[in-house]
N, C-alpha and C. Protein backbone atom coordinates (compact mmCIF):
# COMPACT_ATOMS: atom_id res chain seq x y z
N MET A 1 0.84 -1.18 0.00
CA MET A 1 0.00 0.00 0.00
C MET A 1 0.89 1.25 0.00
N LYS A 2 0.57 2.18 -0.87
CA LYS A 2 1.36 3.40 -0.96
C LYS A 2 0.84 4.45 0.01
N GLN A 3 1.79 5.17 0.56
CA GLN A 3 1.49 6.26 1.50
C GLN A 3 2.12 7.54 0.97
N ARG A 4 1.60 8.68 1.38
CA ARG A 4 2.22 9.97 1.08
C ARG A 4 2.95 10.42 2.35
N TYR A 5 4.26 10.60 2.21
CA TYR A 5 5.12 10.98 3.33
C TYR A 5 5.51 12.44 3.17
N LEU A 6 5.29 13.23 4.21
CA LEU A 6 5.64 14.65 4.22
C LEU A 6 6.82 14.86 5.16
N PHE A 7 7.92 15.38 4.60
CA PHE A 7 9.14 15.64 5.36
C PHE A 7 9.47 17.13 5.33
N GLU A 8 10.18 17.58 6.35
CA GLU A 8 10.78 18.89 6.30
C GLU A 8 12.19 18.73 5.72
N TYR A 9 12.71 19.82 5.13
CA TYR A 9 14.06 19.76 4.58
C TYR A 9 14.74 21.12 4.72
N GLU A 10 16.07 21.12 4.56
CA GLU A 10 16.84 22.36 4.59
C GLU A 10 17.93 22.29 3.54
N VAL A 11 18.13 23.40 2.83
CA VAL A 11 19.25 23.56 1.92
C VAL A 11 20.31 24.33 2.71
N LEU A 12 21.40 23.67 3.03
CA LEU A 12 22.39 24.24 3.95
C LEU A 12 23.02 25.52 3.43
N SER A 13 23.35 25.58 2.14
CA SER A 13 24.06 26.74 1.60
C SER A 13 23.23 28.02 1.65
N THR A 14 21.92 27.89 1.53
CA THR A 14 21.04 29.07 1.53
C THR A 14 20.21 29.18 2.80
N GLN A 15 20.26 28.17 3.64
CA GLN A 15 19.47 28.07 4.86
C GLN A 15 17.97 28.08 4.57
N LYS A 16 17.62 27.74 3.34
CA LYS A 16 16.21 27.63 2.96
C LYS A 16 15.61 26.39 3.61
N LYS A 17 14.45 26.55 4.22
CA LYS A 17 13.74 25.43 4.85
C LYS A 17 12.39 25.30 4.19
N GLY A 18 11.90 24.08 4.12
CA GLY A 18 10.60 23.85 3.52
C GLY A 18 10.09 22.47 3.84
N GLU A 19 8.99 22.12 3.16
CA GLU A 19 8.36 20.82 3.31
C GLU A 19 8.15 20.25 1.92
N PHE A 20 8.24 18.93 1.82
CA PHE A 20 8.04 18.26 0.53
C PHE A 20 7.46 16.89 0.81
N SER A 21 6.52 16.46 -0.04
CA SER A 21 5.91 15.15 0.15
C SER A 21 6.15 14.26 -1.06
N GLN A 22 6.04 12.97 -0.83
CA GLN A 22 6.27 11.98 -1.88
C GLN A 22 5.44 10.74 -1.60
N VAL A 23 4.84 10.20 -2.64
CA VAL A 23 4.13 8.92 -2.52
C VAL A 23 5.14 7.81 -2.76
N ALA A 24 5.15 6.83 -1.86
CA ALA A 24 6.07 5.70 -1.97
C ALA A 24 5.55 4.54 -1.13
N GLU A 25 6.22 3.40 -1.32
CA GLU A 25 5.84 2.19 -0.58
C GLU A 25 6.39 2.22 0.84
N THR A 26 7.54 2.89 1.05
CA THR A 26 8.15 2.94 2.37
C THR A 26 8.64 4.36 2.68
N GLU A 27 8.82 4.63 3.97
CA GLU A 27 9.35 5.92 4.41
C GLU A 27 10.76 6.15 3.85
N GLU A 28 11.58 5.12 3.86
CA GLU A 28 12.95 5.24 3.38
C GLU A 28 12.99 5.60 1.90
N ARG A 29 12.14 4.96 1.10
CA ARG A 29 12.09 5.25 -0.34
C ARG A 29 11.60 6.67 -0.57
N ALA A 30 10.58 7.09 0.15
CA ALA A 30 10.07 8.45 0.01
C ALA A 30 11.15 9.48 0.35
N LYS A 31 11.88 9.22 1.41
CA LYS A 31 12.95 10.13 1.84
C LYS A 31 14.03 10.24 0.76
N ALA A 32 14.40 9.13 0.16
CA ALA A 32 15.41 9.13 -0.90
C ALA A 32 14.91 9.89 -2.13
N LEU A 33 13.66 9.66 -2.50
CA LEU A 33 13.09 10.36 -3.67
C LEU A 33 12.98 11.85 -3.42
N ILE A 34 12.59 12.23 -2.22
CA ILE A 34 12.50 13.65 -1.88
C ILE A 34 13.87 14.30 -1.94
N HIS A 35 14.87 13.62 -1.41
CA HIS A 35 16.23 14.16 -1.43
C HIS A 35 16.68 14.42 -2.87
N GLU A 36 16.47 13.44 -3.76
CA GLU A 36 16.83 13.60 -5.17
C GLU A 36 16.11 14.77 -5.80
N ARG A 37 14.83 14.90 -5.50
CA ARG A 37 14.01 15.96 -6.10
C ARG A 37 14.44 17.35 -5.62
N ILE A 38 14.70 17.50 -4.33
CA ILE A 38 15.12 18.79 -3.79
C ILE A 38 16.47 19.19 -4.37
N VAL A 39 17.41 18.25 -4.47
CA VAL A 39 18.72 18.53 -5.08
C VAL A 39 18.51 19.06 -6.49
N ASP A 40 17.62 18.44 -7.24
CA ASP A 40 17.33 18.85 -8.61
C ASP A 40 16.66 20.22 -8.66
N LEU A 41 15.66 20.42 -7.83
CA LEU A 41 14.92 21.69 -7.84
C LEU A 41 15.77 22.88 -7.39
N GLU A 42 16.67 22.65 -6.45
CA GLU A 42 17.49 23.73 -5.90
C GLU A 42 18.83 23.89 -6.63
N PHE A 43 19.07 23.07 -7.66
CA PHE A 43 20.32 23.13 -8.43
C PHE A 43 21.54 23.09 -7.50
N THR A 44 21.60 22.09 -6.66
CA THR A 44 22.67 22.00 -5.68
C THR A 44 23.21 20.58 -5.62
N GLU A 45 24.11 20.34 -4.70
CA GLU A 45 24.74 19.03 -4.54
C GLU A 45 24.04 18.21 -3.45
N ASP A 46 24.25 16.88 -3.51
CA ASP A 46 23.62 15.97 -2.55
C ASP A 46 23.86 16.38 -1.10
N GLU A 47 25.11 16.72 -0.78
CA GLU A 47 25.46 17.01 0.61
C GLU A 47 24.91 18.36 1.10
N ASP A 48 24.35 19.16 0.19
CA ASP A 48 23.80 20.47 0.55
C ASP A 48 22.36 20.38 1.04
N VAL A 49 21.72 19.23 0.86
CA VAL A 49 20.32 19.05 1.24
C VAL A 49 20.21 18.07 2.40
N VAL A 50 19.52 18.49 3.45
CA VAL A 50 19.28 17.64 4.61
C VAL A 50 17.78 17.43 4.74
N ILE A 51 17.38 16.18 4.71
CA ILE A 51 15.97 15.86 4.92
C ILE A 51 15.77 15.70 6.43
N GLY A 52 14.82 16.45 6.96
CA GLY A 52 14.58 16.46 8.39
C GLY A 52 13.55 15.43 8.81
N LYS A 53 12.80 15.80 9.82
CA LYS A 53 11.87 14.84 10.41
C LYS A 53 10.63 14.62 9.53
N LEU A 54 10.06 13.46 9.72
CA LEU A 54 8.81 13.10 9.06
C LEU A 54 7.68 13.85 9.76
N LEU A 55 6.92 14.62 9.00
CA LEU A 55 5.86 15.42 9.59
C LEU A 55 4.50 14.73 9.58
N LYS A 56 4.22 13.97 8.51
CA LYS A 56 2.89 13.39 8.38
C LYS A 56 2.92 12.24 7.39
N VAL A 57 2.06 11.26 7.60
CA VAL A 57 1.87 10.16 6.67
C VAL A 57 0.38 10.07 6.37
N LEU A 58 0.04 10.05 5.08
CA LEU A 58 -1.35 9.95 4.65
C LEU A 58 -1.52 8.75 3.74
N ASP A 59 -2.70 8.17 3.74
CA ASP A 59 -3.02 7.08 2.83
C ASP A 59 -3.18 7.67 1.44
N ALA A 60 -2.27 7.36 0.54
CA ALA A 60 -2.28 7.94 -0.79
C ALA A 60 -3.38 7.37 -1.68
N GLU A 61 -3.94 6.25 -1.31
CA GLU A 61 -4.97 5.64 -2.14
C GLU A 61 -6.37 6.19 -1.86
N LYS A 62 -6.57 6.84 -0.73
CA LYS A 62 -7.89 7.35 -0.39
C LYS A 62 -7.96 8.87 -0.36
N GLN A 63 -6.84 9.53 -0.65
CA GLN A 63 -6.79 10.99 -0.60
C GLN A 63 -6.70 11.55 -2.01
N ILE A 64 -7.26 12.72 -2.20
CA ILE A 64 -7.13 13.45 -3.46
C ILE A 64 -6.33 14.70 -3.14
N PHE A 65 -5.27 14.94 -3.93
CA PHE A 65 -4.40 16.08 -3.70
C PHE A 65 -4.47 17.01 -4.89
N GLN A 66 -4.56 18.31 -4.62
CA GLN A 66 -4.54 19.32 -5.66
C GLN A 66 -3.41 20.28 -5.38
N CYS A 67 -2.82 20.76 -6.45
CA CYS A 67 -1.79 21.78 -6.28
C CYS A 67 -2.46 23.09 -5.88
N GLU A 68 -1.71 24.00 -5.28
CA GLU A 68 -2.29 25.27 -4.83
C GLU A 68 -2.89 26.05 -5.97
N GLY A 69 -2.26 26.04 -7.13
CA GLY A 69 -2.75 26.77 -8.29
C GLY A 69 -4.03 26.20 -8.86
N CYS A 70 -4.30 24.93 -8.60
CA CYS A 70 -5.49 24.26 -9.15
C CYS A 70 -6.74 24.52 -8.31
N GLU A 71 -6.57 25.03 -7.11
CA GLU A 71 -7.72 25.21 -6.21
C GLU A 71 -8.57 26.42 -6.54
N SER A 72 -8.01 27.36 -7.27
CA SER A 72 -8.79 28.59 -7.57
C SER A 72 -9.64 28.45 -8.80
C-alpha cells in the first residue's frame, strides 16, 4: 500500500527550509526520492540538502491532492 510521506528539509548553503511530500511504498524510499528531487529543484549538490523529520503520513490511495494553483 502506498502512502504519502511529508518531510521537512533544509538547503544548507542558503538556509532555505521547507516541506516536501512523496508517494512511496516505504518511508525510506520516500525520503530518498524527496532528497533527489530537492537537489534537482534547488540546483545543488547531494550534501547540501538535509531531509529532516517526518511530519505526516497519509493514505495515498484514499486521498485526493490538488496543487495550490489548481484550487482557484
